[in-house]
Amino acid sequence: MFYYETLNNATREGARYAIVHGVNSFDCTGPPAPGAASACDPSGADVKQRVRDSAFGVFGTAMTVTPAWYQSDGVTPGDNGRGQTVTVTAEYTYSTLIPLVPLPAITVKAESSLVVNN
């Protein structure tokens, strides 16, 4: 539960970062909106870093973070323009620390979606 809650909070922080850093911000992130000169961070590396920072280093480099921008339908690929949806997914495979009882690895996954408003 600890790992899930940490991932859940980290994805929420990453999604929040993405919605405030849309096409109209000075430090934008995500694919550029139509008519925008360019995106400051088209790959979403800043969002990924925000998720990692919000996870307090609990997962190290074993956590996979994937930000994606969609149109308002939540399915069609989109951009960082106002009204678009950003979904941040994080995944981590947990293995027991003390293998007294052999348990299989458990994949923990969390996802947050918000609407870009800047």
PDB file of N, CA and C in Angstrom:
ATOM      1  N   MET A   1       0.826  -1.191   0.000  1.00  0.00           N
ATOM      2  CA  MET A   1       0.000   0.000   0.000  1.00  0.00           C
ATOM      3  C   MET A   1       0.873   1.260   0.000  1.00  0.00           C
ATOM      4  N   PHE A   2       1.976   1.213   0.722  1.00  0.00           N
ATOM      5  CA  PHE A   2       2.867   2.372   0.771  1.00  0.00           C
ATOM      6  C   PHE A   2       3.368   2.735  -0.627  1.00  0.00           C
ATOM      7  N   TYR A   3       3.797   1.734  -1.393  1.00  0.00           N
ATOM      8  CA  TYR A   3       4.310   1.992  -2.735  1.00  0.00           C
ATOM      9  C   TYR A   3       3.222   2.528  -3.650  1.00  0.00           C
ATOM     10  N   TYR A   4       2.021   1.982  -3.550  1.00  0.00           N
ATOM     11  CA  TYR A   4       0.914   2.461  -4.385  1.00  0.00           C
ATOM     12  C   TYR A   4       0.576   3.909  -4.047  1.00  0.00           C
ATOM     13  N   GLU A   5       0.464   4.230  -2.768  1.00  0.00           N
ATOM     14  CA  GLU A   5       0.129   5.597  -2.368  1.00  0.00           C
ATOM     15  C   GLU A   5       1.217   6.586  -2.781  1.00  0.00           C
ATOM     16  N   THR A   6       2.466   6.171  -2.676  1.00  0.00           N
ATOM     17  CA  THR A   6       3.565   7.039  -3.100  1.00  0.00           C
ATOM     18  C   THR A   6       3.509   7.270  -4.604  1.00  0.00           C
ATOM     19  N   LEU A   7       3.279   6.208  -5.382  1.00  0.00           N
ATOM     20  CA  LEU A   7       3.148   6.353  -6.835  1.00  0.00           C
ATOM     21  C   LEU A   7       1.945   7.217  -7.197  1.00  0.00           C
ATOM     22  N   ASN A   8       0.836   6.999  -6.524  1.00  0.00           N
ATOM     23  CA  ASN A   8      -0.379   7.754  -6.800  1.00  0.00           C
ATOM     24  C   ASN A   8      -0.157   9.245  -6.568  1.00  0.00           C
ATOM     25  N   ASN A   9       0.460   9.595  -5.450  1.00  0.00           N
ATOM     26  CA  ASN A   9       0.738  10.995  -5.156  1.00  0.00           C
ATOM     27  C   ASN A   9       1.727  11.579  -6.174  1.00  0.00           C
ATOM     28  N   ALA A  10       2.740  10.819  -6.541  1.00  0.00           N
ATOM     29  CA  ALA A  10       3.749  11.305  -7.491  1.00  0.00           C
ATOM     30  C   ALA A  10       3.140  11.561  -8.865  1.00  0.00           C
ATOM     31  N   THR A  11       2.248  10.683  -9.338  1.00  0.00           N
ATOM     32  CA  THR A  11       1.621  10.913 -10.648  1.00  0.00           C
ATOM     33  C   THR A  11       0.706  12.126 -10.603  1.00  0.00           C
ATOM     34  N   ARG A  12       0.033  12.327  -9.480  1.00  0.00           N
ATOM     35  CA  ARG A  12      -0.828  13.505  -9.336  1.00  0.00           C
ATOM     36  C   ARG A  12       0.010  14.785  -9.403  1.00  0.00           C
ATOM     37  N   GLU A  13       1.168  14.768  -8.743  1.00  0.00           N
ATOM     38  CA  GLU A  13       2.065  15.936  -8.790  1.00  0.00           C
ATOM     39  C   GLU A  13       2.595  16.176 -10.206  1.00  0.00           C
ATOM     40  N   GLY A  14       2.936  15.091 -10.912  1.00  0.00           N
ATOM     41  CA  GLY A  14       3.401  15.227 -12.288  1.00  0.00           C
ATOM     42  C   GLY A  14       2.329  15.785 -13.209  1.00  0.00           C
ATOM     43  N   ALA A  15       1.110  15.306 -13.059  1.00  0.00           N
ATOM     44  CA  ALA A  15       0.002  15.804 -13.873  1.00  0.00           C
ATOM     45  C   ALA A  15      -0.282  17.269 -13.556  1.00  0.00           C
ATOM     46  N   ARG A  16      -0.220  17.628 -12.293  1.00  0.00           N
ATOM     47  CA  ARG A  16      -0.426  19.029 -11.914  1.00  0.00           C
ATOM     48  C   ARG A  16       0.655  19.917 -12.537  1.00  0.00           C
ATOM     49  N   TYR A  17       1.892  19.445 -12.508  1.00  0.00           N
ATOM     50  CA  TYR A  17       2.980  20.207 -13.122  1.00  0.00           C
ATOM     51  C   TYR A  17       2.693  20.425 -14.610  1.00  0.00           C
ATOM     52  N   ALA A  18       2.225  19.385 -15.291  1.00  0.00           N
ATOM     53  CA  ALA A  18       1.961  19.474 -16.725  1.00  0.00           C
ATOM     54  C   ALA A  18       0.831  20.439 -17.049  1.00  0.00           C
ATOM     55  N   ILE A  19      -0.218  20.462 -16.230  1.00  0.00           N
ATOM     56  CA  ILE A  19      -1.349  21.340 -16.566  1.00  0.00           C
ATOM     57  C   ILE A  19      -1.040  22.810 -16.317  1.00  0.00           C
ATOM     58  N   VAL A  20      -0.124  23.101 -15.382  1.00  0.00           N
ATOM     59  CA  VAL A  20       0.235  24.494 -15.145  1.00  0.00           C
ATOM     60  C   VAL A  20       1.305  24.969 -16.120  1.00  0.00           C
ATOM     61  N   HIS A  21       2.013  24.029 -16.746  1.00  0.00           N
ATOM     62  CA  HIS A  21       3.062  24.381 -17.696  1.00  0.00           C
ATOM     63  C   HIS A  21       2.612  24.054 -19.116  1.00  0.00           C
ATOM     64  N   GLY A  22       1.428  24.548 -19.461  1.00  0.00           N
ATOM     65  CA  GLY A  22       0.893  24.370 -20.805  1.00  0.00           C
ATOM     66  C   GLY A  22       1.508  25.357 -21.770  1.00  0.00           C
ATOM     67  N   VAL A  23       0.902  25.491 -22.941  1.00  0.00           N
ATOM     68  CA  VAL A  23       1.442  26.313 -24.017  1.00  0.00           C
ATOM     69  C   VAL A  23       1.579  27.791 -23.636  1.00  0.00           C
ATOM     70  N   ASN A  24       0.765  28.287 -22.710  1.00  0.00           N
ATOM     71  CA  ASN A  24       0.793  29.706 -22.350  1.00  0.00           C
ATOM     72  C   ASN A  24       1.779  30.046 -21.242  1.00  0.00           C
ATOM     73  N   SER A  25       2.512  29.060 -20.723  1.00  0.00           N
ATOM     74  CA  SER A  25       3.454  29.352 -19.644  1.00  0.00           C
ATOM     75  C   SER A  25       4.833  29.671 -20.225  1.00  0.00           C
ATOM     76  N   PHE A  26       5.671  30.252 -19.401  1.00  0.00           N
ATOM     77  CA  PHE A  26       7.027  30.583 -19.839  1.00  0.00           C
ATOM     78  C   PHE A  26       7.937  29.367 -19.855  1.00  0.00           C
ATOM     79  N   ASP A  27       7.563  28.344 -19.111  1.00  0.00           N
ATOM     80  CA  ASP A  27       8.360  27.123 -19.024  1.00  0.00           C
ATOM     81  C   ASP A  27       7.471  25.941 -19.405  1.00  0.00           C
ATOM     82  N   CYS A  28       6.999  25.924 -20.656  1.00  0.00           N
ATOM     83  CA  CYS A  28       6.012  24.925 -21.075  1.00  0.00           C
ATOM     84  C   CYS A  28       6.619  23.527 -21.215  1.00  0.00           C
ATOM     85  N   THR A  29       5.737  22.541 -21.175  1.00  0.00           N
ATOM     86  CA  THR A  29       6.148  21.157 -21.318  1.00  0.00           C
ATOM     87  C   THR A  29       5.094  20.411 -22.116  1.00  0.00           C
ATOM     88  N   GLY A  30       5.506  19.428 -22.887  1.00  0.00           N
ATOM     89  CA  GLY A  30       4.575  18.640 -23.690  1.00  0.00           C
ATOM     90  C   GLY A  30       4.629  18.991 -25.157  1.00  0.00           C
ATOM     91  N   PRO A  31       3.918  18.225 -25.989  1.00  0.00           N
ATOM     92  CA  PRO A  31       3.908  18.487 -27.433  1.00  0.00           C
ATOM     93  C   PRO A  31       3.323  19.863 -27.719  1.00  0.00           C
ATOM     94  N   PRO A  32       3.911  20.622 -28.645  1.00  0.00           N
ATOM     95  CA  PRO A  32       3.434  21.980 -28.903  1.00  0.00           C
ATOM     96  C   PRO A  32       2.024  22.014 -29.483  1.00  0.00           C
ATOM     97  N   ALA A  33       1.249  22.993 -29.039  1.00  0.00           N
ATOM     98  CA  ALA A  33      -0.096  23.200 -29.559  1.00  0.00           C
ATOM     99  C   ALA A  33      -0.009  23.838 -30.945  1.00  0.00           C
ATOM    100  N   PRO A  34      -1.036  23.663 -31.790  1.00  0.00           N
ATOM    101  CA  PRO A  34      -1.032  24.302 -33.114  1.00  0.00           C
ATOM    102  C   PRO A  34      -0.879  25.813 -32.969  1.00  0.00           C
ATOM    103  N   GLY A  35      -0.026  26.388 -33.773  1.00  0.00           N
ATOM    104  CA  GLY A  35       0.219  27.821 -33.730  1.00  0.00           C
ATOM    105  C   GLY A  35       1.313  28.225 -32.759  1.00  0.00           C
ATOM    106  N   ALA A  36       1.728  27.325 -31.889  1.00  0.00           N
ATOM    107  CA  ALA A  36       2.807  27.628 -30.954  1.00  0.00           C
ATOM    108  C   ALA A  36       4.136  27.473 -31.678  1.00  0.00           C
ATOM    109  N   ALA A  37       5.070  28.338 -31.363  1.00  0.00           N
ATOM    110  CA  ALA A  37       6.378  28.292 -32.022  1.00  0.00           C
ATOM    111  C   ALA A  37       7.046  26.943 -31.773  1.00  0.00           C
ATOM    112  N   SER A  38       7.088  26.530 -30.542  1.00  0.00           N
ATOM    113  CA  SER A  38       7.658  25.236 -30.190  1.00  0.00           C
ATOM    114  C   SER A  38       7.346  24.950 -28.726  1.00  0.00           C
ATOM    115  N   ALA A  39       7.515  23.736 -28.343  1.00  0.00           N
ATOM    116  CA  ALA A  39       7.345  23.386 -26.934  1.00  0.00           C
ATOM    117  C   ALA A  39       8.706  23.475 -26.262  1.00  0.00           C
ATOM    118  N   CYS A  40       8.734  23.940 -25.040  1.00  0.00           N
ATOM    119  CA  CYS A  40       9.991  24.048 -24.302  1.00  0.00           C
ATOM    120  C   CYS A  40      10.548  22.667 -23.965  1.00  0.00           C
ATOM    121  N   ASP A  41       9.655  21.711 -23.754  1.00  0.00           N
ATOM    122  CA  ASP A  41      10.047  20.361 -23.348  1.00  0.00           C
ATOM    123  C   ASP A  41       9.084  19.365 -24.005  1.00  0.00           C
ATOM    124  N   PRO A  42       9.221  19.135 -25.310  1.00  0.00           N
ATOM    125  CA  PRO A  42       8.244  18.306 -26.028  1.00  0.00           C
ATOM    126  C   PRO A  42       8.175  16.857 -25.558  1.00  0.00           C
ATOM    127  N   SER A  43       9.232  16.329 -24.962  1.00  0.00           N
ATOM    128  CA  SER A  43       9.217  14.932 -24.529  1.00  0.00           C
ATOM    129  C   SER A  43       8.562  14.737 -23.161  1.00  0.00           C
ATOM    130  N   GLY A  44       8.360  15.815 -22.420  1.00  0.00           N
ATOM    131  CA  GLY A  44       7.790  15.701 -21.080  1.00  0.00           C
ATOM    132  C   GLY A  44       8.813  15.304 -20.025  1.00  0.00           C
ATOM    133  N   ALA A  45      10.094  15.541 -20.289  1.00  0.00           N
ATOM    134  CA  ALA A  45      11.145  15.180 -19.332  1.00  0.00           C
ATOM    135  C   ALA A  45      10.973  15.900 -17.992  1.00  0.00           C
ATOM    136  N   ASP A  46      10.478  17.151 -18.043  1.00  0.00           N
ATOM    137  CA  ASP A  46      10.254  17.888 -16.790  1.00  0.00           C
ATOM    138  C   ASP A  46       9.154  17.238 -15.954  1.00  0.00           C
ATOM    139  N   VAL A  47       8.130  16.718 -16.619  1.00  0.00           N
ATOM    140  CA  VAL A  47       7.047  16.024 -15.914  1.00  0.00           C
ATOM    141  C   VAL A  47       7.586  14.751 -15.264  1.00  0.00           C
ATOM    142  N   LYS A  48       8.384  14.007 -16.012  1.00  0.00           N
ATOM    143  CA  LYS A  48       8.980  12.779 -15.469  1.00  0.00           C
ATOM    144  C   LYS A  48       9.830  13.083 -14.244  1.00  0.00           C
ATOM    145  N   GLN A  49      10.614  14.158 -14.324  1.00  0.00           N
ATOM    146  CA  GLN A  49      11.468  14.528 -13.191  1.00  0.00           C
ATOM    147  C   GLN A  49      10.631  14.943 -11.991  1.00  0.00           C
ATOM    148  N   ARG A  50       9.526  15.643 -12.239  1.00  0.00           N
ATOM    149  CA  ARG A  50       8.641  16.056 -11.146  1.00  0.00           C
ATOM    150  C   ARG A  50       8.069  14.830 -10.429  1.00  0.00           C
ATOM    151  N   VAL A  51       7.702  13.804 -11.203  1.00  0.00           N
ATOM    152  CA  VAL A  51       7.182  12.568 -10.613  1.00  0.00           C
ATOM    153  C   VAL A  51       8.264  11.907  -9.767  1.00  0.00           C
ATOM    154  N   ARG A  52       9.466  11.822 -10.295  1.00  0.00           N
ATOM    155  CA  ARG A  52      10.570  11.200  -9.549  1.00  0.00           C
ATOM    156  C   ARG A  52      10.870  11.982  -8.255  1.00  0.00           C
ATOM    157  N   ASP A  53      10.865  13.301  -8.344  1.00  0.00           N
ATOM    158  CA  ASP A  53      11.109  14.127  -7.158  1.00  0.00           C
ATOM    159  C   ASP A  53      10.002  13.939  -6.118  1.00  0.00           C
ATOM    160  N   SER A  54       8.778  13.808  -6.571  1.00  0.00           N
ATOM    161  CA  SER A  54       7.641  13.652  -5.657  1.00  0.00           C
ATOM    162  C   SER A  54       7.599  12.277  -5.010  1.00  0.00           C
ATOM    163  N   ALA A  55       8.291  11.318  -5.595  1.00  0.00           N
ATOM    164  CA  ALA A  55       8.340   9.965  -5.025  1.00  0.00           C
ATOM    165  C   ALA A  55       9.435   9.852  -3.970  1.00  0.00           C
ATOM    166  N   PHE A  56      10.133  10.934  -3.695  1.00  0.00           N
ATOM    167  CA  PHE A  56      11.152  10.997  -2.636  1.00  0.00           C
ATOM    168  C   PHE A  56      12.264   9.974  -2.797  1.00  0.00           C
ATOM    169  N   GLY A  57      12.563   9.551  -4.013  1.00  0.00           N
ATOM    170  CA  GLY A  57      13.639   8.603  -4.246  1.00  0.00           C
ATOM    171  C   GLY A  57      13.341   7.189  -3.782  1.00  0.00           C
ATOM    172  N   VAL A  58      12.087   6.903  -3.455  1.00  0.00           N
ATOM    173  CA  VAL A  58      11.712   5.582  -2.949  1.00  0.00           C
ATOM    174  C   VAL A  58      11.987   4.495  -3.982  1.00  0.00           C
ATOM    175  N   PHE A  59      11.778   4.791  -5.253  1.00  0.00           N
ATOM    176  CA  PHE A  59      11.869   3.778  -6.289  1.00  0.00           C
ATOM    177  C   PHE A  59      13.183   3.791  -7.064  1.00  0.00           C
ATOM    178  N   GLY A  60      14.001   4.796  -6.827  1.00  0.00           N
ATOM    179  CA  GLY A  60      15.260   4.892  -7.567  1.00  0.00           C
ATOM    180  C   GLY A  60      14.998   4.991  -9.060  1.00  0.00           C
ATOM    181  N   THR A  61      15.780   4.286  -9.838  1.00  0.00           N
ATOM    182  CA  THR A  61      15.601   4.321 -11.294  1.00  0.00           C
ATOM    183  C   THR A  61      14.684   3.209 -11.782  1.00  0.00           C
ATOM    184  N   ALA A  62      14.167   2.392 -10.857  1.00  0.00           N
ATOM    185  CA  ALA A  62      13.324   1.265 -11.256  1.00  0.00           C
ATOM    186  C   ALA A  62      11.899   1.683 -11.618  1.00  0.00           C
ATOM    187  N   MET A  63      11.536   2.921 -11.371  1.00  0.00           N
ATOM    188  CA  MET A  63      10.196   3.407 -11.680  1.00  0.00           C
ATOM    189  C   MET A  63      10.132   3.875 -13.131  1.00  0.00           C
ATOM    190  N   THR A  64       9.086   3.466 -13.840  1.00  0.00           N
ATOM    191  CA  THR A  64       8.867   3.903 -15.214  1.00  0.00           C
ATOM    192  C   THR A  64       7.779   4.967 -15.208  1.00  0.00           C
ATOM    193  N   VAL A  65       8.069   6.139 -15.786  1.00  0.00           N
ATOM    194  CA  VAL A  65       7.107   7.241 -15.828  1.00  0.00           C
ATOM    195  C   VAL A  65       6.796   7.563 -17.281  1.00  0.00           C
ATOM    196  N   THR A  66       5.496   7.671 -17.599  1.00  0.00           N
ATOM    197  CA  THR A  66       5.069   7.966 -18.961  1.00  0.00           C
ATOM    198  C   THR A  66       4.013   9.057 -18.968  1.00  0.00           C
ATOM    199  N   PRO A  67       4.367  10.278 -19.417  1.00  0.00           N
ATOM    200  CA  PRO A  67       3.342  11.303 -19.590  1.00  0.00           C
ATOM    201  C   PRO A  67       2.787  11.241 -21.019  1.00  0.00           C
ATOM    202  N   ALA A  68       1.505  11.501 -21.170  1.00  0.00           N
ATOM    203  CA  ALA A  68       0.884  11.502 -22.501  1.00  0.00           C
ATOM    204  C   ALA A  68      -0.179  12.590 -22.548  1.00  0.00           C
ATOM    205  N   TRP A  69      -0.251  13.294 -23.663  1.00  0.00           N
ATOM    206  CA  TRP A  69      -1.218  14.359 -23.850  1.00  0.00           C
ATOM    207  C   TRP A  69      -2.281  13.890 -24.837  1.00  0.00           C
ATOM    208  N   TYR A  70      -3.556  14.159 -24.503  1.00  0.00           N
ATOM    209  CA  TYR A  70      -4.679  13.730 -25.340  1.00  0.00           C
ATOM    210  C   TYR A  70      -5.636  14.892 -25.574  1.00  0.00           C
ATOM    211  N   GLN A  71      -6.439  14.763 -26.625  1.00  0.00           N
ATOM    212  CA  GLN A  71      -7.508  15.724 -26.835  1.00  0.00           C
ATOM    213  C   GLN A  71      -8.569  15.494 -25.774  1.00  0.00           C
ATOM    214  N   SER A  72      -9.592  16.311 -25.750  1.00  0.00           N
ATOM    215  CA  SER A  72     -10.582  16.244 -24.671  1.00  0.00           C
ATOM    216  C   SER A  72     -11.297  14.901 -24.571  1.00  0.00           C
ATOM    217  N   ASP A  73     -11.249  14.076 -25.637  1.00  0.00           N
ATOM    218  CA  ASP A  73     -11.894  12.756 -25.567  1.00  0.00           C
ATOM    219  C   ASP A  73     -11.079  11.755 -24.753  1.00  0.00           C
ATOM    220  N   GLY A  74      -9.822  12.093 -24.441  1.00  0.00           N
ATOM    221  CA  GLY A  74      -8.977  11.208 -23.643  1.00  0.00           C
ATOM    222  C   GLY A  74      -8.381  10.043 -24.401  1.00  0.00           C
ATOM    223  N   VAL A  75      -8.573  10.001 -25.729  1.00  0.00           N
ATOM    224  CA  VAL A  75      -8.083   8.884 -26.543  1.00  0.00           C
ATOM    225  C   VAL A  75      -7.172   9.368 -27.671  1.00  0.00           C
ATOM    226  N   THR A  76      -7.598  10.395 -28.377  1.00  0.00           N
ATOM    227  CA  THR A  76      -6.851  10.928 -29.517  1.00  0.00           C
ATOM    228  C   THR A  76      -5.631  11.702 -29.029  1.00  0.00           C
ATOM    229  N   PRO A  77      -4.437  11.410 -29.570  1.00  0.00           N
ATOM    230  CA  PRO A  77      -3.244  12.158 -29.154  1.00  0.00           C
ATOM    231  C   PRO A  77      -3.447  13.667 -29.286  1.00  0.00           C
ATOM    232  N   GLY A  78      -2.948  14.400 -28.301  1.00  0.00           N
ATOM    233  CA  GLY A  78      -3.144  15.846 -28.285  1.00  0.00           C
ATOM    234  C   GLY A  78      -1.850  16.600 -28.073  1.00  0.00           C
ATOM    235  N   ASP A  79      -1.969  17.781 -27.464  1.00  0.00           N
ATOM    236  CA  ASP A  79      -0.818  18.662 -27.269  1.00  0.00           C
ATOM    237  C   ASP A  79      -0.951  19.336 -25.907  1.00  0.00           C
ATOM    238  N   ASN A  80      -0.129  20.368 -25.675  1.00  0.00           N
ATOM    239  CA  ASN A  80      -0.144  21.028 -24.377  1.00  0.00           C
ATOM    240  C   ASN A  80      -1.015  22.282 -24.365  1.00  0.00           C
ATOM    241  N   GLY A  81      -1.971  22.366 -25.294  1.00  0.00           N
ATOM    242  CA  GLY A  81      -2.885  23.502 -25.359  1.00  0.00           C
ATOM    243  C   GLY A  81      -3.966  23.431 -24.295  1.00  0.00           C
ATOM    244  N   ARG A  82      -4.543  24.573 -24.007  1.00  0.00           N
ATOM    245  CA  ARG A  82      -5.615  24.669 -23.008  1.00  0.00           C
ATOM    246  C   ARG A  82      -6.778  23.751 -23.387  1.00  0.00           C
ATOM    247  N   GLY A  83      -7.299  23.003 -22.422  1.00  0.00           N
ATOM    248  CA  GLY A  83      -8.420  22.110 -22.647  1.00  0.00           C
ATOM    249  C   GLY A  83      -8.020  20.682 -23.010  1.00  0.00           C
ATOM    250  N   GLN A  84      -6.749  20.453 -23.284  1.00  0.00           N
ATOM    251  CA  GLN A  84      -6.270  19.105 -23.576  1.00  0.00           C
ATOM    252  C   GLN A  84      -6.103  18.340 -22.253  1.00  0.00           C
ATOM    253  N   THR A  85      -6.051  17.035 -22.323  1.00  0.00           N
ATOM    254  CA  THR A  85      -5.895  16.204 -21.130  1.00  0.00           C
ATOM    255  C   THR A  85      -4.488  15.630 -21.079  1.00  0.00           C
ATOM    256  N   VAL A  86      -3.875  15.662 -19.906  1.00  0.00           N
ATOM    257  CA  VAL A  86      -2.578  15.024 -19.722  1.00  0.00           C
ATOM    258  C   VAL A  86      -2.775  13.856 -18.747  1.00  0.00           C
ATOM    259  N   THR A  87      -2.192  12.720 -19.105  1.00  0.00           N
ATOM    260  CA  THR A  87      -2.247  11.528 -18.264  1.00  0.00           C
ATOM    261  C   THR A  87      -0.824  11.113 -17.927  1.00  0.00           C
ATOM    262  N   VAL A  88      -0.549  10.986 -16.654  1.00  0.00           N
ATOM    263  CA  VAL A  88       0.777  10.582 -16.197  1.00  0.00           C
ATOM    264  C   VAL A  88       0.644   9.206 -15.541  1.00  0.00           C
ATOM    265  N   THR A  89       1.420   8.247 -16.053  1.00  0.00           N
ATOM    266  CA  THR A  89       1.395   6.881 -15.544  1.00  0.00           C
ATOM    267  C   THR A  89       2.770   6.538 -14.977  1.00  0.00           C
ATOM    268  N   ALA A  90       2.778   5.897 -13.818  1.00  0.00           N
ATOM    269  CA  ALA A  90       4.032   5.440 -13.207  1.00  0.00           C
ATOM    270  C   ALA A  90       3.865   3.974 -12.832  1.00  0.00           C
ATOM    271  N   GLU A  91       4.935   3.220 -13.037  1.00  0.00           N
ATOM    272  CA  GLU A  91       4.895   1.777 -12.766  1.00  0.00           C
ATOM    273  C   GLU A  91       6.174   1.349 -12.063  1.00  0.00           C
ATOM    274  N   TYR A  92       6.015   0.435 -11.107  1.00  0.00           N
ATOM    275  CA  TYR A  92       7.154  -0.052 -10.337  1.00  0.00           C
ATOM    276  C   TYR A  92       6.913  -1.524 -10.020  1.00  0.00           C
ATOM    277  N   THR A  93       7.947  -2.341 -10.160  1.00  0.00           N
ATOM    278  CA  THR A  93       7.840  -3.754  -9.816  1.00  0.00           C
ATOM    279  C   THR A  93       8.480  -3.968  -8.454  1.00  0.00           C
ATOM    280  N   TYR A  94       7.646  -4.396  -7.511  1.00  0.00           N
ATOM    281  CA  TYR A  94       8.069  -4.579  -6.121  1.00  0.00           C
ATOM    282  C   TYR A  94       8.470  -6.027  -5.872  1.00  0.00           C
ATOM    283  N   SER A  95       9.618  -6.200  -5.257  1.00  0.00           N
ATOM    284  CA  SER A  95      10.070  -7.520  -4.802  1.00  0.00           C
ATOM    285  C   SER A  95      10.281  -7.430  -3.296  1.00  0.00           C
ATOM    286  N   THR A  96       9.984  -8.490  -2.587  1.00  0.00           N
ATOM    287  CA  THR A  96      10.126  -8.452  -1.136  1.00  0.00           C
ATOM    288  C   THR A  96      11.581  -8.197  -0.743  1.00  0.00           C
ATOM    289  N   LEU A  97      11.751  -7.479   0.330  1.00  0.00           N
ATOM    290  CA  LEU A  97      13.095  -7.138   0.792  1.00  0.00           C
ATOM    291  C   LEU A  97      13.772  -8.322   1.468  1.00  0.00           C
ATOM    292  N   ILE A  98      13.013  -9.063   2.260  1.00  0.00           N
ATOM    293  CA  ILE A  98      13.544 -10.230   2.955  1.00  0.00           C
ATOM    294  C   ILE A  98      12.784 -11.447   2.438  1.00  0.00           C
ATOM    295  N   PRO A  99      13.419 -12.240   1.607  1.00  0.00           N
ATOM    296  CA  PRO A  99      12.703 -13.357   0.975  1.00  0.00           C
ATOM    297  C   PRO A  99      12.516 -14.583   1.875  1.00  0.00           C
ATOM    298  N   LEU A 100      11.894 -14.381   3.040  1.00  0.00           N
ATOM    299  CA  LEU A 100      11.627 -15.519   3.919  1.00  0.00           C
ATOM    300  C   LEU A 100      10.578 -16.444   3.300  1.00  0.00           C
ATOM    301  N   VAL A 101       9.573 -15.805   2.739  1.00  0.00           N
ATOM    302  CA  VAL A 101       8.536 -16.540   2.024  1.00  0.00           C
ATOM    303  C   VAL A 101       8.655 -16.127   0.566  1.00  0.00           C
ATOM    304  N   PRO A 102       8.936 -17.056  -0.324  1.00  0.00           N
ATOM    305  CA  PRO A 102       9.119 -16.672  -1.730  1.00  0.00           C
ATOM    306  C   PRO A 102       7.807 -16.183  -2.347  1.00  0.00           C
ATOM    307  N   LEU A 103       7.746 -14.898  -2.570  1.00  0.00           N
ATOM    308  CA  LEU A 103       6.583 -14.286  -3.198  1.00  0.00           C
ATOM    309  C   LEU A 103       6.966 -13.779  -4.581  1.00  0.00           C
ATOM    310  N   PRO A 104       6.069 -13.853  -5.536  1.00  0.00           N
ATOM    311  CA  PRO A 104       6.384 -13.323  -6.858  1.00  0.00           C
ATOM    312  C   PRO A 104       6.446 -11.794  -6.814  1.00  0.00           C
ATOM    313  N   ALA A 105       7.125 -11.219  -7.768  1.00  0.00           N
ATOM    314  CA  ALA A 105       7.205  -9.761  -7.870  1.00  0.00           C
ATOM    315  C   ALA A 105       5.806  -9.210  -8.168  1.00  0.00           C
ATOM    316  N   ILE A 106       5.515  -8.050  -7.609  1.00  0.00           N
ATOM    317  CA  ILE A 106       4.213  -7.411  -7.785  1.00  0.00           C
ATOM    318  C   ILE A 106       4.419  -6.099  -8.528  1.00  0.00           C
ATOM    319  N   THR A 107       3.690  -5.898  -9.621  1.00  0.00           N
ATOM    320  CA  THR A 107       3.775  -4.646 -10.359  1.00  0.00           C
ATOM    321  C   THR A 107       2.729  -3.680  -9.818  1.00  0.00           C
ATOM    322  N   VAL A 108       3.203  -2.527  -9.370  1.00  0.00           N
ATOM    323  CA  VAL A 108       2.335  -1.488  -8.830  1.00  0.00           C
ATOM    324  C   VAL A 108       2.258  -0.379  -9.872  1.00  0.00           C
ATOM    325  N   LYS A 109       1.041   0.057 -10.195  1.00  0.00           N
ATOM    326  CA  LYS A 109       0.853   1.061 -11.238  1.00  0.00           C
ATOM    327  C   LYS A 109      -0.141   2.108 -10.769  1.00  0.00           C
ATOM    328  N   ALA A 110       0.163   3.375 -11.039  1.00  0.00           N
ATOM    329  CA  ALA A 110      -0.740   4.466 -10.693  1.00  0.00           C
ATOM    330  C   ALA A 110      -0.841   5.411 -11.884  1.00  0.00           C
ATOM    331  N   GLU A 111      -1.969   6.106 -11.968  1.00  0.00           N
ATOM    332  CA  GLU A 111      -2.210   6.983 -13.113  1.00  0.00           C
ATOM    333  C   GLU A 111      -3.055   8.163 -12.667  1.00  0.00           C
ATOM    334  N   SER A 112      -2.726   9.355 -13.163  1.00  0.00           N
ATOM    335  CA  SER A 112      -3.508  10.552 -12.889  1.00  0.00           C
ATOM    336  C   SER A 112      -3.735  11.309 -14.191  1.00  0.00           C
ATOM    337  N   SER A 113      -4.945  11.818 -14.356  1.00  0.00           N
ATOM    338  CA  SER A 113      -5.293  12.602 -15.546  1.00  0.00           C
ATOM    339  C   SER A 113      -5.887  13.929 -15.114  1.00  0.00           C
ATOM    340  N   LEU A 114      -5.435  15.016 -15.735  1.00  0.00           N
ATOM    341  CA  LEU A 114      -5.961  16.341 -15.475  1.00  0.00           C
ATOM    342  C   LEU A 114      -6.061  17.106 -16.787  1.00  0.00           C
ATOM    343  N   VAL A 115      -6.790  18.210 -16.783  1.00  0.00           N
ATOM    344  CA  VAL A 115      -6.990  19.029 -17.975  1.00  0.00           C
ATOM    345  C   VAL A 115      -6.051  20.223 -17.939  1.00  0.00           C
ATOM    346  N   VAL A 116      -5.339  20.462 -19.034  1.00  0.00           N
ATOM    347  CA  VAL A 116      -4.396  21.588 -19.122  1.00  0.00           C
ATOM    348  C   VAL A 116      -5.195  22.883 -19.043  1.00  0.00           C
ATOM    349  N   ASN A 117      -4.788  23.773 -18.141  1.00  0.00           N
ATOM    350  CA  ASN A 117      -5.525  25.023 -17.987  1.00  0.00           C
ATOM    351  C   ASN A 117      -4.672  26.268 -18.136  1.00  0.00           C
ATOM    352  N   ASN A 118      -3.490  26.126 -18.697  1.00  0.00           N
ATOM    353  CA  ASN A 118      -2.656  27.308 -18.936  1.00  0.00           C
ATOM    354  C   ASN A 118      -2.094  27.234 -20.335  1.00  0.00           C
TER     355      ASN A 118
END
